[in-house]
Amino acid sequence: MAFWCFMLLCDLLIPLTMILAGAVMCRRSPRRINRFFGYRTRRSMQNPDTWRFAQAYYGRLCRKMGWPAAAVTGCAQLLFLHSSPDMLGAFSAAAVLVQSALLVLSIFFTEKALKKKFGDL
């Protein structure tokens, strides 16, 4: 049971980080373009308007994707409550891969929204 709890915590790290990062970026995103904190891509750092839009959009998107990811991961993990450690480990690896894909997709969607709103600058 202790291993299951540990794996649940590990599996929820990415969705909870997405939720927290989304909340921070929506409420306290950096006002000025910088290279240390925020959603930083070439397109988002072109001017202050693209910077503000990217921070807000990415923050909302991370929160929207993080909550369902956490819920699905937690519910799916319950199916492996009495499984072998090997089976639980395989599920956890698959969950982390899917969650990582969500992170990549959020970048893709944000870049697409930037391009749609601001065009090719």
PDB file of N, CA and C in Angstrom:
ATOM      1  N   MET A   1       0.820  -1.197   0.000  1.00  0.00           N
ATOM      2  CA  MET A   1       0.000   0.000   0.000  1.00  0.00           C
ATOM      3  C   MET A   1       0.866   1.265   0.000  1.00  0.00           C
ATOM      4  N   ALA A   2       1.996   1.216   0.676  1.00  0.00           N
ATOM      5  CA  ALA A   2       2.883   2.377   0.719  1.00  0.00           C
ATOM      6  C   ALA A   2       3.438   2.669  -0.675  1.00  0.00           C
ATOM      7  N   PHE A   3       3.767   1.613  -1.418  1.00  0.00           N
ATOM      8  CA  PHE A   3       4.279   1.804  -2.771  1.00  0.00           C
ATOM      9  C   PHE A   3       3.201   2.415  -3.662  1.00  0.00           C
ATOM     10  N   TRP A   4       1.963   1.973  -3.502  1.00  0.00           N
ATOM     11  CA  TRP A   4       0.858   2.509  -4.282  1.00  0.00           C
ATOM     12  C   TRP A   4       0.689   4.009  -4.000  1.00  0.00           C
ATOM     13  N   CYS A   5       0.754   4.396  -2.737  1.00  0.00           N
ATOM     14  CA  CYS A   5       0.628   5.813  -2.362  1.00  0.00           C
ATOM     15  C   CYS A   5       1.777   6.639  -2.950  1.00  0.00           C
ATOM     16  N   PHE A   6       2.972   6.087  -2.898  1.00  0.00           N
ATOM     17  CA  PHE A   6       4.123   6.770  -3.473  1.00  0.00           C
ATOM     18  C   PHE A   6       3.947   6.961  -4.978  1.00  0.00           C
ATOM     19  N   MET A   7       3.483   5.923  -5.655  1.00  0.00           N
ATOM     20  CA  MET A   7       3.297   6.010  -7.100  1.00  0.00           C
ATOM     21  C   MET A   7       2.163   6.984  -7.446  1.00  0.00           C
ATOM     22  N   LEU A   8       1.121   7.037  -6.625  1.00  0.00           N
ATOM     23  CA  LEU A   8       0.053   8.002  -6.856  1.00  0.00           C
ATOM     24  C   LEU A   8       0.599   9.419  -6.769  1.00  0.00           C
ATOM     25  N   LEU A   9       1.393   9.663  -5.758  1.00  0.00           N
ATOM     26  CA  LEU A   9       2.008  10.983  -5.606  1.00  0.00           C
ATOM     27  C   LEU A   9       2.886  11.315  -6.807  1.00  0.00           C
ATOM     28  N   CYS A  10       3.675  10.362  -7.240  1.00  0.00           N
ATOM     29  CA  CYS A  10       4.546  10.580  -8.406  1.00  0.00           C
ATOM     30  C   CYS A  10       3.724  10.835  -9.669  1.00  0.00           C
ATOM     31  N   ASP A  11       2.634  10.074  -9.825  1.00  0.00           N
ATOM     32  CA  ASP A  11       1.806  10.227 -11.019  1.00  0.00           C
ATOM     33  C   ASP A  11       1.047  11.549 -11.041  1.00  0.00           C
ATOM     34  N   LEU A  12       0.811  12.127  -9.887  1.00  0.00           N
ATOM     35  CA  LEU A  12       0.076  13.390  -9.825  1.00  0.00           C
ATOM     36  C   LEU A  12       0.989  14.616  -9.891  1.00  0.00           C
ATOM     37  N   LEU A  13       2.299  14.411  -9.927  1.00  0.00           N
ATOM     38  CA  LEU A  13       3.221  15.545  -9.962  1.00  0.00           C
ATOM     39  C   LEU A  13       3.027  16.426 -11.194  1.00  0.00           C
ATOM     40  N   ILE A  14       2.914  15.846 -12.364  1.00  0.00           N
ATOM     41  CA  ILE A  14       2.778  16.638 -13.587  1.00  0.00           C
ATOM     42  C   ILE A  14       1.443  17.380 -13.625  1.00  0.00           C
ATOM     43  N   PRO A  15       0.299  16.704 -13.380  1.00  0.00           N
ATOM     44  CA  PRO A  15      -0.958  17.470 -13.405  1.00  0.00           C
ATOM     45  C   PRO A  15      -1.024  18.560 -12.338  1.00  0.00           C
ATOM     46  N   LEU A  16      -0.540  18.278 -11.147  1.00  0.00           N
ATOM     47  CA  LEU A  16      -0.575  19.300 -10.100  1.00  0.00           C
ATOM     48  C   LEU A  16       0.360  20.465 -10.420  1.00  0.00           C
ATOM     49  N   THR A  17       1.479  20.173 -11.052  1.00  0.00           N
ATOM     50  CA  THR A  17       2.381  21.239 -11.492  1.00  0.00           C
ATOM     51  C   THR A  17       1.724  22.082 -12.576  1.00  0.00           C
ATOM     52  N   MET A  18       0.996  21.447 -13.474  1.00  0.00           N
ATOM     53  CA  MET A  18       0.278  22.187 -14.509  1.00  0.00           C
ATOM     54  C   MET A  18      -0.765  23.110 -13.888  1.00  0.00           C
ATOM     55  N   ILE A  19      -1.492  22.616 -12.897  1.00  0.00           N
ATOM     56  CA  ILE A  19      -2.517  23.422 -12.239  1.00  0.00           C
ATOM     57  C   ILE A  19      -1.870  24.607 -11.522  1.00  0.00           C
ATOM     58  N   LEU A  20      -0.814  24.339 -10.778  1.00  0.00           N
ATOM     59  CA  LEU A  20      -0.135  25.395 -10.033  1.00  0.00           C
ATOM     60  C   LEU A  20       0.491  26.424 -10.976  1.00  0.00           C
ATOM     61  N   ALA A  21       1.168  25.949 -12.007  1.00  0.00           N
ATOM     62  CA  ALA A  21       1.791  26.867 -12.971  1.00  0.00           C
ATOM     63  C   ALA A  21       0.731  27.681 -13.687  1.00  0.00           C
ATOM     64  N   GLY A  22      -0.384  27.062 -14.032  1.00  0.00           N
ATOM     65  CA  GLY A  22      -1.468  27.788 -14.677  1.00  0.00           C
ATOM     66  C   GLY A  22      -2.031  28.883 -13.796  1.00  0.00           C
ATOM     67  N   ALA A  23      -2.211  28.566 -12.521  1.00  0.00           N
ATOM     68  CA  ALA A  23      -2.733  29.571 -11.583  1.00  0.00           C
ATOM     69  C   ALA A  23      -1.751  30.728 -11.421  1.00  0.00           C
ATOM     70  N   VAL A  24      -0.481  30.405 -11.305  1.00  0.00           N
ATOM     71  CA  VAL A  24       0.537  31.453 -11.147  1.00  0.00           C
ATOM     72  C   VAL A  24       0.599  32.315 -12.398  1.00  0.00           C
ATOM     73  N   MET A  25       0.553  31.693 -13.558  1.00  0.00           N
ATOM     74  CA  MET A  25       0.683  32.458 -14.796  1.00  0.00           C
ATOM     75  C   MET A  25      -0.545  33.323 -15.054  1.00  0.00           C
ATOM     76  N   CYS A  26      -1.708  32.882 -14.599  1.00  0.00           N
ATOM     77  CA  CYS A  26      -2.911  33.700 -14.779  1.00  0.00           C
ATOM     78  C   CYS A  26      -2.948  34.864 -13.797  1.00  0.00           C
ATOM     79  N   ARG A  27      -2.499  34.627 -12.581  1.00  0.00           N
ATOM     80  CA  ARG A  27      -2.618  35.652 -11.542  1.00  0.00           C
ATOM     81  C   ARG A  27      -1.384  36.533 -11.395  1.00  0.00           C
ATOM     82  N   ARG A  28      -0.210  35.954 -11.528  1.00  0.00           N
ATOM     83  CA  ARG A  28       1.018  36.700 -11.265  1.00  0.00           C
ATOM     84  C   ARG A  28       2.052  36.482 -12.371  1.00  0.00           C
ATOM     85  N   SER A  29       1.606  36.563 -13.596  1.00  0.00           N
ATOM     86  CA  SER A  29       2.564  36.374 -14.684  1.00  0.00           C
ATOM     87  C   SER A  29       3.527  37.552 -14.725  1.00  0.00           C
ATOM     88  N   PRO A  30       4.728  37.323 -15.216  1.00  0.00           N
ATOM     89  CA  PRO A  30       5.710  38.407 -15.278  1.00  0.00           C
ATOM     90  C   PRO A  30       5.223  39.519 -16.207  1.00  0.00           C
ATOM     91  N   ARG A  31       5.365  40.726 -15.754  1.00  0.00           N
ATOM     92  CA  ARG A  31       4.900  41.893 -16.523  1.00  0.00           C
ATOM     93  C   ARG A  31       5.822  42.191 -17.703  1.00  0.00           C
ATOM     94  N   ARG A  32       7.099  41.983 -17.501  1.00  0.00           N
ATOM     95  CA  ARG A  32       8.074  42.288 -18.547  1.00  0.00           C
ATOM     96  C   ARG A  32       8.602  41.004 -19.175  1.00  0.00           C
ATOM     97  N   ILE A  33       8.957  41.104 -20.414  1.00  0.00           N
ATOM     98  CA  ILE A  33       9.539  39.965 -21.115  1.00  0.00           C
ATOM     99  C   ILE A  33      10.879  39.641 -20.472  1.00  0.00           C
ATOM    100  N   ASN A  34      11.058  38.379 -20.111  1.00  0.00           N
ATOM    101  CA  ASN A  34      12.322  37.968 -19.499  1.00  0.00           C
ATOM    102  C   ASN A  34      12.663  36.558 -19.951  1.00  0.00           C
ATOM    103  N   ARG A  35      13.846  36.134 -19.646  1.00  0.00           N
ATOM    104  CA  ARG A  35      14.308  34.801 -20.042  1.00  0.00           C
ATOM    105  C   ARG A  35      14.336  33.823 -18.871  1.00  0.00           C
ATOM    106  N   PHE A  36      13.709  34.174 -17.756  1.00  0.00           N
ATOM    107  CA  PHE A  36      13.802  33.338 -16.567  1.00  0.00           C
ATOM    108  C   PHE A  36      12.487  32.703 -16.147  1.00  0.00           C
ATOM    109  N   PHE A  37      11.368  33.402 -16.335  1.00  0.00           N
ATOM    110  CA  PHE A  37      10.102  32.896 -15.841  1.00  0.00           C
ATOM    111  C   PHE A  37       8.982  33.230 -16.816  1.00  0.00           C
ATOM    112  N   GLY A  38       8.077  32.287 -17.013  1.00  0.00           N
ATOM    113  CA  GLY A  38       6.930  32.502 -17.874  1.00  0.00           C
ATOM    114  C   GLY A  38       6.981  31.604 -19.084  1.00  0.00           C
ATOM    115  N   TYR A  39       5.989  31.754 -19.946  1.00  0.00           N
ATOM    116  CA  TYR A  39       5.942  31.010 -21.193  1.00  0.00           C
ATOM    117  C   TYR A  39       6.872  31.722 -22.166  1.00  0.00           C
ATOM    118  N   ARG A  40       8.019  31.110 -22.449  1.00  0.00           N
ATOM    119  CA  ARG A  40       9.063  31.778 -23.213  1.00  0.00           C
ATOM    120  C   ARG A  40       9.349  31.031 -24.516  1.00  0.00           C
ATOM    121  N   THR A  41       8.820  31.542 -25.586  1.00  0.00           N
ATOM    122  CA  THR A  41       9.181  31.060 -26.915  1.00  0.00           C
ATOM    123  C   THR A  41       9.513  32.284 -27.759  1.00  0.00           C
ATOM    124  N   ARG A  42      10.061  32.057 -28.915  1.00  0.00           N
ATOM    125  CA  ARG A  42      10.438  33.174 -29.783  1.00  0.00           C
ATOM    126  C   ARG A  42       9.210  34.025 -30.128  1.00  0.00           C
ATOM    127  N   ARG A  43       8.096  33.363 -30.428  1.00  0.00           N
ATOM    128  CA  ARG A  43       6.889  34.094 -30.801  1.00  0.00           C
ATOM    129  C   ARG A  43       6.302  34.863 -29.611  1.00  0.00           C
ATOM    130  N   SER A  44       6.313  34.262 -28.426  1.00  0.00           N
ATOM    131  CA  SER A  44       5.717  34.935 -27.264  1.00  0.00           C
ATOM    132  C   SER A  44       6.559  36.105 -26.772  1.00  0.00           C
ATOM    133  N   MET A  45       7.843  36.108 -27.078  1.00  0.00           N
ATOM    134  CA  MET A  45       8.728  37.156 -26.589  1.00  0.00           C
ATOM    135  C   MET A  45       8.949  38.285 -27.601  1.00  0.00           C
ATOM    136  N   GLN A  46       8.159  38.338 -28.665  1.00  0.00           N
ATOM    137  CA  GLN A  46       8.382  39.341 -29.702  1.00  0.00           C
ATOM    138  C   GLN A  46       8.008  40.757 -29.273  1.00  0.00           C
ATOM    139  N   ASN A  47       6.942  40.897 -28.508  1.00  0.00           N
ATOM    140  CA  ASN A  47       6.548  42.219 -28.033  1.00  0.00           C
ATOM    141  C   ASN A  47       5.677  42.054 -26.786  1.00  0.00           C
ATOM    142  N   PRO A  48       5.378  43.143 -26.083  1.00  0.00           N
ATOM    143  CA  PRO A  48       4.601  43.027 -24.843  1.00  0.00           C
ATOM    144  C   PRO A  48       3.196  42.448 -25.034  1.00  0.00           C
ATOM    145  N   ASP A  49       2.575  42.706 -26.179  1.00  0.00           N
ATOM    146  CA  ASP A  49       1.232  42.168 -26.412  1.00  0.00           C
ATOM    147  C   ASP A  49       1.251  40.650 -26.552  1.00  0.00           C
ATOM    148  N   THR A  50       2.189  40.138 -27.326  1.00  0.00           N
ATOM    149  CA  THR A  50       2.274  38.684 -27.473  1.00  0.00           C
ATOM    150  C   THR A  50       2.672  38.036 -26.149  1.00  0.00           C
ATOM    151  N   TRP A  51       3.519  38.707 -25.397  1.00  0.00           N
ATOM    152  CA  TRP A  51       3.951  38.190 -24.092  1.00  0.00           C
ATOM    153  C   TRP A  51       2.758  38.046 -23.145  1.00  0.00           C
ATOM    154  N   ARG A  52       1.963  39.098 -23.011  1.00  0.00           N
ATOM    155  CA  ARG A  52       0.810  39.053 -22.095  1.00  0.00           C
ATOM    156  C   ARG A  52      -0.209  38.015 -22.546  1.00  0.00           C
ATOM    157  N   PHE A  53      -0.474  37.977 -23.847  1.00  0.00           N
ATOM    158  CA  PHE A  53      -1.430  37.000 -24.369  1.00  0.00           C
ATOM    159  C   PHE A  53      -0.956  35.580 -24.105  1.00  0.00           C
ATOM    160  N   ALA A  54       0.307  35.302 -24.373  1.00  0.00           N
ATOM    161  CA  ALA A  54       0.845  33.949 -24.197  1.00  0.00           C
ATOM    162  C   ALA A  54       0.794  33.515 -22.734  1.00  0.00           C
ATOM    163  N   GLN A  55       1.118  34.418 -21.813  1.00  0.00           N
ATOM    164  CA  GLN A  55       1.091  34.066 -20.393  1.00  0.00           C
ATOM    165  C   GLN A  55      -0.326  33.700 -19.964  1.00  0.00           C
ATOM    166  N   ALA A  56      -1.291  34.522 -20.345  1.00  0.00           N
ATOM    167  CA  ALA A  56      -2.681  34.286 -19.948  1.00  0.00           C
ATOM    168  C   ALA A  56      -3.233  33.022 -20.614  1.00  0.00           C
ATOM    169  N   TYR A  57      -2.987  32.858 -21.899  1.00  0.00           N
ATOM    170  CA  TYR A  57      -3.516  31.710 -22.637  1.00  0.00           C
ATOM    171  C   TYR A  57      -2.921  30.402 -22.107  1.00  0.00           C
ATOM    172  N   TYR A  58      -1.604  30.376 -21.947  1.00  0.00           N
ATOM    173  CA  TYR A  58      -0.948  29.165 -21.471  1.00  0.00           C
ATOM    174  C   TYR A  58      -1.388  28.830 -20.037  1.00  0.00           C
ATOM    175  N   GLY A  59      -1.546  29.843 -19.214  1.00  0.00           N
ATOM    176  CA  GLY A  59      -1.998  29.615 -17.845  1.00  0.00           C
ATOM    177  C   GLY A  59      -3.384  28.995 -17.801  1.00  0.00           C
ATOM    178  N   ARG A  60      -4.315  29.559 -18.582  1.00  0.00           N
ATOM    179  CA  ARG A  60      -5.676  28.993 -18.627  1.00  0.00           C
ATOM    180  C   ARG A  60      -5.664  27.568 -19.177  1.00  0.00           C
ATOM    181  N   LEU A  61      -4.879  27.361 -20.220  1.00  0.00           N
ATOM    182  CA  LEU A  61      -4.823  26.043 -20.848  1.00  0.00           C
ATOM    183  C   LEU A  61      -4.247  24.998 -19.900  1.00  0.00           C
ATOM    184  N   CYS A  62      -3.203  25.352 -19.170  1.00  0.00           N
ATOM    185  CA  CYS A  62      -2.612  24.409 -18.218  1.00  0.00           C
ATOM    186  C   CYS A  62      -3.608  24.025 -17.127  1.00  0.00           C
ATOM    187  N   ARG A  63      -4.347  24.998 -16.637  1.00  0.00           N
ATOM    188  CA  ARG A  63      -5.347  24.672 -15.620  1.00  0.00           C
ATOM    189  C   ARG A  63      -6.447  23.796 -16.194  1.00  0.00           C
ATOM    190  N   LYS A  64      -6.899  24.100 -17.402  1.00  0.00           N
ATOM    191  CA  LYS A  64      -7.958  23.306 -18.031  1.00  0.00           C
ATOM    192  C   LYS A  64      -7.511  21.877 -18.308  1.00  0.00           C
ATOM    193  N   MET A  65      -6.260  21.694 -18.630  1.00  0.00           N
ATOM    194  CA  MET A  65      -5.760  20.352 -18.918  1.00  0.00           C
ATOM    195  C   MET A  65      -5.299  19.628 -17.647  1.00  0.00           C
ATOM    196  N   GLY A  66      -4.860  20.371 -16.646  1.00  0.00           N
ATOM    197  CA  GLY A  66      -4.325  19.771 -15.434  1.00  0.00           C
ATOM    198  C   GLY A  66      -5.373  19.107 -14.566  1.00  0.00           C
ATOM    199  N   TRP A  67      -6.528  19.765 -14.385  1.00  0.00           N
ATOM    200  CA  TRP A  67      -7.573  19.182 -13.528  1.00  0.00           C
ATOM    201  C   TRP A  67      -8.084  17.846 -14.061  1.00  0.00           C
ATOM    202  N   PRO A  68      -8.475  17.754 -15.335  1.00  0.00           N
ATOM    203  CA  PRO A  68      -8.914  16.440 -15.836  1.00  0.00           C
ATOM    204  C   PRO A  68      -7.801  15.391 -15.804  1.00  0.00           C
ATOM    205  N   ALA A  69      -6.576  15.806 -16.081  1.00  0.00           N
ATOM    206  CA  ALA A  69      -5.459  14.850 -16.045  1.00  0.00           C
ATOM    207  C   ALA A  69      -5.282  14.297 -14.636  1.00  0.00           C
ATOM    208  N   ALA A  70      -5.392  15.149 -13.632  1.00  0.00           N
ATOM    209  CA  ALA A  70      -5.267  14.696 -12.245  1.00  0.00           C
ATOM    210  C   ALA A  70      -6.415  13.766 -11.873  1.00  0.00           C
ATOM    211  N   ALA A  71      -7.621  14.115 -12.278  1.00  0.00           N
ATOM    212  CA  ALA A  71      -8.785  13.287 -11.948  1.00  0.00           C
ATOM    213  C   ALA A  71      -8.707  11.923 -12.621  1.00  0.00           C
ATOM    214  N   VAL A  72      -8.387  11.908 -13.899  1.00  0.00           N
ATOM    215  CA  VAL A  72      -8.302  10.634 -14.625  1.00  0.00           C
ATOM    216  C   VAL A  72      -7.175   9.773 -14.071  1.00  0.00           C
ATOM    217  N   THR A  73      -6.041  10.389 -13.795  1.00  0.00           N
ATOM    218  CA  THR A  73      -4.905   9.641 -13.251  1.00  0.00           C
ATOM    219  C   THR A  73      -5.258   9.046 -11.887  1.00  0.00           C
ATOM    220  N   GLY A  74      -5.860   9.849 -11.027  1.00  0.00           N
ATOM    221  CA  GLY A  74      -6.221   9.357  -9.698  1.00  0.00           C
ATOM    222  C   GLY A  74      -7.236   8.231  -9.751  1.00  0.00           C
ATOM    223  N   CYS A  75      -8.263   8.385 -10.600  1.00  0.00           N
ATOM    224  CA  CYS A  75      -9.278   7.323 -10.726  1.00  0.00           C
ATOM    225  C   CYS A  75      -8.688   6.064 -11.356  1.00  0.00           C
ATOM    226  N   ALA A  76      -7.877   6.233 -12.369  1.00  0.00           N
ATOM    227  CA  ALA A  76      -7.263   5.066 -13.016  1.00  0.00           C
ATOM    228  C   ALA A  76      -6.305   4.359 -12.068  1.00  0.00           C
ATOM    229  N   GLN A  77      -5.643   5.117 -11.229  1.00  0.00           N
ATOM    230  CA  GLN A  77      -4.710   4.517 -10.271  1.00  0.00           C
ATOM    231  C   GLN A  77      -5.452   3.606  -9.288  1.00  0.00           C
ATOM    232  N   LEU A  78      -6.707   3.942  -8.985  1.00  0.00           N
ATOM    233  CA  LEU A  78      -7.500   3.106  -8.074  1.00  0.00           C
ATOM    234  C   LEU A  78      -7.688   1.689  -8.615  1.00  0.00           C
ATOM    235  N   LEU A  79      -7.688   1.550  -9.928  1.00  0.00           N
ATOM    236  CA  LEU A  79      -7.821   0.222 -10.529  1.00  0.00           C
ATOM    237  C   LEU A  79      -6.623  -0.669 -10.220  1.00  0.00           C
ATOM    238  N   PHE A  80      -5.506  -0.062  -9.863  1.00  0.00           N
ATOM    239  CA  PHE A  80      -4.278  -0.808  -9.601  1.00  0.00           C
ATOM    240  C   PHE A  80      -3.959  -0.873  -8.105  1.00  0.00           C
ATOM    241  N   LEU A  81      -4.966  -0.675  -7.275  1.00  0.00           N
ATOM    242  CA  LEU A  81      -4.762  -0.645  -5.829  1.00  0.00           C
ATOM    243  C   LEU A  81      -4.150  -1.932  -5.297  1.00  0.00           C
ATOM    244  N   HIS A  82      -4.591  -3.070  -5.779  1.00  0.00           N
ATOM    245  CA  HIS A  82      -4.077  -4.353  -5.286  1.00  0.00           C
ATOM    246  C   HIS A  82      -3.281  -5.098  -6.351  1.00  0.00           C
ATOM    247  N   SER A  83      -2.722  -4.351  -7.295  1.00  0.00           N
ATOM    248  CA  SER A  83      -1.924  -4.964  -8.362  1.00  0.00           C
ATOM    249  C   SER A  83      -0.495  -5.165  -7.909  1.00  0.00           C
ATOM    250  N   SER A  84       0.233  -5.906  -8.703  1.00  0.00           N
ATOM    251  CA  SER A  84       1.648  -6.126  -8.419  1.00  0.00           C
ATOM    252  C   SER A  84       2.423  -4.830  -8.667  1.00  0.00           C
ATOM    253  N   PRO A  85       3.561  -4.700  -8.025  1.00  0.00           N
ATOM    254  CA  PRO A  85       4.386  -3.507  -8.264  1.00  0.00           C
ATOM    255  C   PRO A  85       4.780  -3.332  -9.733  1.00  0.00           C
ATOM    256  N   ASP A  86       5.001  -4.439 -10.428  1.00  0.00           N
ATOM    257  CA  ASP A  86       5.359  -4.350 -11.848  1.00  0.00           C
ATOM    258  C   ASP A  86       4.219  -3.765 -12.674  1.00  0.00           C
ATOM    259  N   MET A  87       3.001  -4.204 -12.393  1.00  0.00           N
ATOM    260  CA  MET A  87       1.838  -3.703 -13.116  1.00  0.00           C
ATOM    261  C   MET A  87       1.609  -2.221 -12.798  1.00  0.00           C
ATOM    262  N   LEU A  88       1.757  -1.867 -11.546  1.00  0.00           N
ATOM    263  CA  LEU A  88       1.594  -0.479 -11.135  1.00  0.00           C
ATOM    264  C   LEU A  88       2.670   0.404 -11.770  1.00  0.00           C
ATOM    265  N   GLY A  89       3.880  -0.113 -11.824  1.00  0.00           N
ATOM    266  CA  GLY A  89       4.966   0.634 -12.464  1.00  0.00           C
ATOM    267  C   GLY A  89       4.717   0.853 -13.941  1.00  0.00           C
ATOM    268  N   ALA A  90       4.185  -0.158 -14.620  1.00  0.00           N
ATOM    269  CA  ALA A  90       3.878  -0.020 -16.042  1.00  0.00           C
ATOM    270  C   ALA A  90       2.786   1.028 -16.250  1.00  0.00           C
ATOM    271  N   PHE A  91       1.761   0.994 -15.409  1.00  0.00           N
ATOM    272  CA  PHE A  91       0.708   2.011 -15.510  1.00  0.00           C
ATOM    273  C   PHE A  91       1.278   3.402 -15.278  1.00  0.00           C
ATOM    274  N   SER A  92       2.108   3.535 -14.266  1.00  0.00           N
ATOM    275  CA  SER A  92       2.678   4.844 -13.932  1.00  0.00           C
ATOM    276  C   SER A  92       3.529   5.384 -15.072  1.00  0.00           C
ATOM    277  N   ALA A  93       4.291   4.517 -15.707  1.00  0.00           N
ATOM    278  CA  ALA A  93       5.096   4.949 -16.852  1.00  0.00           C
ATOM    279  C   ALA A  93       4.206   5.439 -17.983  1.00  0.00           C
ATOM    280  N   ALA A  94       3.118   4.707 -18.248  1.00  0.00           N
ATOM    281  CA  ALA A  94       2.193   5.119 -19.303  1.00  0.00           C
ATOM    282  C   ALA A  94       1.518   6.444 -18.941  1.00  0.00           C
ATOM    283  N   ALA A  95       1.151   6.608 -17.678  1.00  0.00           N
ATOM    284  CA  ALA A  95       0.502   7.842 -17.244  1.00  0.00           C
ATOM    285  C   ALA A  95       1.431   9.033 -17.420  1.00  0.00           C
ATOM    286  N   VAL A  96       2.686   8.876 -17.063  1.00  0.00           N
ATOM    287  CA  VAL A  96       3.647   9.973 -17.203  1.00  0.00           C
ATOM    288  C   VAL A  96       3.870  10.308 -18.680  1.00  0.00           C
ATOM    289  N   LEU A  97       3.881   9.316 -19.540  1.00  0.00           N
ATOM    290  CA  LEU A  97       4.030   9.582 -20.973  1.00  0.00           C
ATOM    291  C   LEU A  97       2.841  10.367 -21.516  1.00  0.00           C
ATOM    292  N   VAL A  98       1.636   9.999 -21.119  1.00  0.00           N
ATOM    293  CA  VAL A  98       0.447  10.714 -21.577  1.00  0.00           C
ATOM    294  C   VAL A  98       0.451  12.149 -21.036  1.00  0.00           C
ATOM    295  N   GLN A  99       0.817  12.305 -19.775  1.00  0.00           N
ATOM    296  CA  GLN A  99       0.865  13.640 -19.180  1.00  0.00           C
ATOM    297  C   GLN A  99       1.931  14.502 -19.846  1.00  0.00           C
ATOM    298  N   SER A 100       3.054  13.917 -20.186  1.00  0.00           N
ATOM    299  CA  SER A 100       4.098  14.661 -20.898  1.00  0.00           C
ATOM    300  C   SER A 100       3.610  15.092 -22.274  1.00  0.00           C
ATOM    301  N   ALA A 101       2.839  14.229 -22.924  1.00  0.00           N
ATOM    302  CA  ALA A 101       2.256  14.590 -24.219  1.00  0.00           C
ATOM    303  C   ALA A 101       1.300  15.776 -24.065  1.00  0.00           C
ATOM    304  N   LEU A 102       0.569  15.821 -22.957  1.00  0.00           N
ATOM    305  CA  LEU A 102      -0.310  16.963 -22.697  1.00  0.00           C
ATOM    306  C   LEU A 102       0.480  18.256 -22.582  1.00  0.00           C
ATOM    307  N   LEU A 103       1.632  18.186 -21.940  1.00  0.00           N
ATOM    308  CA  LEU A 103       2.482  19.377 -21.829  1.00  0.00           C
ATOM    309  C   LEU A 103       2.937  19.861 -23.202  1.00  0.00           C
ATOM    310  N   VAL A 104       3.342  18.939 -24.048  1.00  0.00           N
ATOM    311  CA  VAL A 104       3.783  19.301 -25.398  1.00  0.00           C
ATOM    312  C   VAL A 104       2.613  19.865 -26.194  1.00  0.00           C
ATOM    313  N   LEU A 105       1.437  19.258 -26.052  1.00  0.00           N
ATOM    314  CA  LEU A 105       0.261  19.758 -26.754  1.00  0.00           C
ATOM    315  C   LEU A 105      -0.115  21.164 -26.307  1.00  0.00           C
ATOM    316  N   SER A 106       0.055  21.448 -25.026  1.00  0.00           N
ATOM    317  CA  SER A 106      -0.274  22.791 -24.547  1.00  0.00           C
ATOM    318  C   SER A 106       0.631  23.841 -25.190  1.00  0.00           C
ATOM    319  N   ILE A 107       1.868  23.502 -25.432  1.00  0.00           N
ATOM    320  CA  ILE A 107       2.778  24.419 -26.127  1.00  0.00           C
ATOM    321  C   ILE A 107       2.320  24.595 -27.574  1.00  0.00           C
ATOM    322  N   PHE A 108       1.967  23.492 -28.216  1.00  0.00           N
ATOM    323  CA  PHE A 108       1.495  23.550 -29.597  1.00  0.00           C
ATOM    324  C   PHE A 108       0.246  24.426 -29.711  1.00  0.00           C
ATOM    325  N   PHE A 109      -0.720  24.234 -28.815  1.00  0.00           N
ATOM    326  CA  PHE A 109      -1.958  25.014 -28.864  1.00  0.00           C
ATOM    327  C   PHE A 109      -1.709  26.496 -28.582  1.00  0.00           C
ATOM    328  N   THR A 110      -0.798  26.795 -27.673  1.00  0.00           N
ATOM    329  CA  THR A 110      -0.485  28.190 -27.369  1.00  0.00           C
ATOM    330  C   THR A 110       0.184  28.868 -28.564  1.00  0.00           C
ATOM    331  N   GLU A 111       1.106  28.182 -29.193  1.00  0.00           N
ATOM    332  CA  GLU A 111       1.763  28.743 -30.380  1.00  0.00           C
ATOM    333  C   GLU A 111       0.756  28.943 -31.513  1.00  0.00           C
ATOM    334  N   LYS A 112      -0.162  28.018 -31.657  1.00  0.00           N
ATOM    335  CA  LYS A 112      -1.192  28.134 -32.685  1.00  0.00           C
ATOM    336  C   LYS A 112      -2.088  29.344 -32.410  1.00  0.00           C
ATOM    337  N   ALA A 113      -2.458  29.552 -31.144  1.00  0.00           N
ATOM    338  CA  ALA A 113      -3.281  30.705 -30.781  1.00  0.00           C
ATOM    339  C   ALA A 113      -2.532  32.015 -31.001  1.00  0.00           C
ATOM    340  N   LEU A 114      -1.251  32.030 -30.672  1.00  0.00           N
ATOM    341  CA  LEU A 114      -0.430  33.228 -30.921  1.00  0.00           C
ATOM    342  C   LEU A 114      -0.383  33.553 -32.408  1.00  0.00           C
ATOM    343  N   LYS A 115      -0.186  32.529 -33.211  1.00  0.00           N
ATOM    344  CA  LYS A 115      -0.100  32.742 -34.657  1.00  0.00           C
ATOM    345  C   LYS A 115      -1.442  33.219 -35.213  1.00  0.00           C
ATOM    346  N   LYS A 116      -2.528  32.667 -34.696  1.00  0.00           N
ATOM    347  CA  LYS A 116      -3.851  33.066 -35.167  1.00  0.00           C
ATOM    348  C   LYS A 116      -4.158  34.517 -34.788  1.00  0.00           C
ATOM    349  N   LYS A 117      -3.810  34.895 -33.569  1.00  0.00           N
ATOM    350  CA  LYS A 117      -4.132  36.243 -33.085  1.00  0.00           C
ATOM    351  C   LYS A 117      -3.184  37.305 -33.656  1.00  0.00           C
ATOM    352  N   PHE A 118      -1.904  36.995 -33.720  1.00  0.00           N
ATOM    353  CA  PHE A 118      -0.914  38.006 -34.110  1.00  0.00           C
ATOM    354  C   PHE A 118      -0.306  37.765 -35.490  1.00  0.00           C
ATOM    355  N   GLY A 119      -0.557  36.627 -36.079  1.00  0.00           N
ATOM    356  CA  GLY A 119       0.028  36.322 -37.380  1.00  0.00           C
ATOM    357  C   GLY A 119       1.524  36.059 -37.254  1.00  0.00           C
ATOM    358  N   ASP A 120       2.191  36.036 -38.379  1.00  0.00           N
ATOM    359  CA  ASP A 120       3.644  35.862 -38.375  1.00  0.00           C
ATOM    360  C   ASP A 120       4.296  37.232 -38.232  1.00  0.00           C
ATOM    361  N   LEU A 121       4.859  37.477 -37.062  1.00  0.00           N
ATOM    362  CA  LEU A 121       5.498  38.777 -36.825  1.00  0.00           C
ATOM    363  C   LEU A 121       6.933  38.772 -37.273  1.00  0.00           C
TER     364      LEU A 121
END
